[in-house]
Amino acid sequence: MEDARADIAERVRNIITGQLAVEITRVVDDASIIDDLGADSLEMVQIVMLIEDEFGIAIPDQPAEEFLTVKDAIDFVVAAQS
């Protein structure tokens, strides 16, 4: 399970890094995607869509709105993959 979580975390971080053009070292679990990494609402929608495509999952609007930190996004994907 830990290996699967690490793989998911790496893939989610890569999506965020690519979308926001930030250094991977800034994309840590407790980083706020909006406040710390500078995402706007459109970029958040794009991140959610990229995560959906990458993992073959659907993310309803309510949980997507609760992706405040990088960890929130990772935790959702881990739960969806379980």
Protein backbone atom coordinates (compact mmCIF):
# COMPACT_ATOMS: atom_id res chain seq x y z
CA MET A 1 0.00 0.00 0.00
CA GLU A 2 2.84 2.38 0.83
CA ASP A 3 4.43 1.84 -2.60
CA ALA A 4 1.09 2.52 -4.29
CA ARG A 5 0.65 5.72 -2.28
CA ALA A 6 4.18 6.86 -3.15
CA ASP A 7 3.48 6.23 -6.85
CA ILE A 8 0.20 8.15 -6.70
CA ALA A 9 1.85 11.00 -4.79
CA GLU A 10 4.63 11.28 -7.37
CA ARG A 11 2.16 11.31 -10.27
CA VAL A 12 -0.09 13.92 -8.60
CA ARG A 13 2.94 16.11 -7.81
CA ASN A 14 4.11 15.85 -11.41
CA ILE A 15 0.68 16.95 -12.66
CA ILE A 16 0.67 19.95 -10.32
CA THR A 17 4.26 20.84 -11.18
CA GLY A 18 3.56 20.67 -14.91
CA GLN A 19 0.34 22.65 -14.73
CA LEU A 20 1.64 25.42 -12.48
CA ALA A 21 5.25 25.51 -13.69
CA VAL A 22 6.60 25.43 -10.12
CA GLU A 23 9.63 23.66 -8.74
CA ILE A 24 8.87 20.10 -7.63
CA THR A 25 10.50 20.90 -4.27
CA ARG A 26 7.64 23.34 -3.55
CA VAL A 27 4.96 20.69 -4.16
CA VAL A 28 4.96 19.20 -0.66
CA ASP A 29 2.04 17.57 1.16
CA ASP A 30 1.05 20.59 3.22
CA ALA A 31 1.43 23.14 0.40
CA SER A 32 -1.79 24.98 -0.39
CA ILE A 33 -2.37 24.56 -4.11
CA ILE A 34 -3.85 28.06 -4.35
CA ASP A 35 -2.05 30.06 -1.65
CA ASP A 36 1.42 28.48 -1.75
CA LEU A 37 1.64 27.31 -5.35
CA GLY A 38 -0.36 30.12 -6.97
CA ALA A 39 -3.11 28.20 -8.77
CA ASP A 40 -6.18 30.12 -9.87
CA SER A 41 -9.65 28.61 -10.28
CA LEU A 42 -9.10 27.67 -13.94
CA GLU A 43 -5.81 25.97 -13.12
CA MET A 44 -7.53 24.04 -10.32
CA VAL A 45 -10.12 22.77 -12.81
CA GLN A 46 -7.34 21.76 -15.18
CA ILE A 47 -5.44 19.97 -12.39
CA VAL A 48 -8.58 18.03 -11.44
CA MET A 49 -9.17 17.06 -15.09
CA LEU A 50 -5.56 15.93 -15.50
CA ILE A 51 -5.80 13.83 -12.33
CA GLU A 52 -9.03 12.27 -13.61
CA ASP A 53 -7.36 11.41 -16.92
CA GLU A 54 -4.15 10.13 -15.33
CA PHE A 55 -5.90 7.79 -12.91
CA GLY A 56 -9.09 6.98 -14.83
CA ILE A 57 -11.32 8.29 -12.06
CA ALA A 58 -14.16 10.79 -11.82
CA ILE A 59 -13.87 13.54 -9.25
CA PRO A 60 -17.21 15.15 -8.36
CA ASP A 61 -17.31 18.93 -7.87
CA GLN A 62 -17.67 18.80 -4.07
CA PRO A 63 -14.49 16.79 -3.36
CA ALA A 64 -12.62 18.78 -6.00
CA GLU A 65 -13.48 22.00 -4.17
CA GLU A 66 -11.94 20.48 -1.04
CA PHE A 67 -8.51 20.00 -2.66
CA LEU A 68 -6.86 22.68 -0.55
CA THR A 69 -3.47 21.03 -0.22
CA VAL A 70 -1.38 18.65 -2.27
CA LYS A 71 -2.09 15.98 0.37
CA ASP A 72 -5.86 16.44 -0.09
CA ALA A 73 -5.54 15.61 -3.79
CA ILE A 74 -3.26 12.63 -3.11
CA ASP A 75 -5.56 11.29 -0.37
CA PHE A 76 -8.59 11.46 -2.68
CA VAL A 77 -6.83 9.50 -5.42
CA VAL A 78 -5.55 6.91 -2.93
CA ALA A 79 -9.10 6.41 -1.61
CA ALA A 80 -10.54 6.22 -5.13
CA GLN A 81 -7.97 3.59 -6.12
CA SER A 82 -8.71 1.41 -3.06
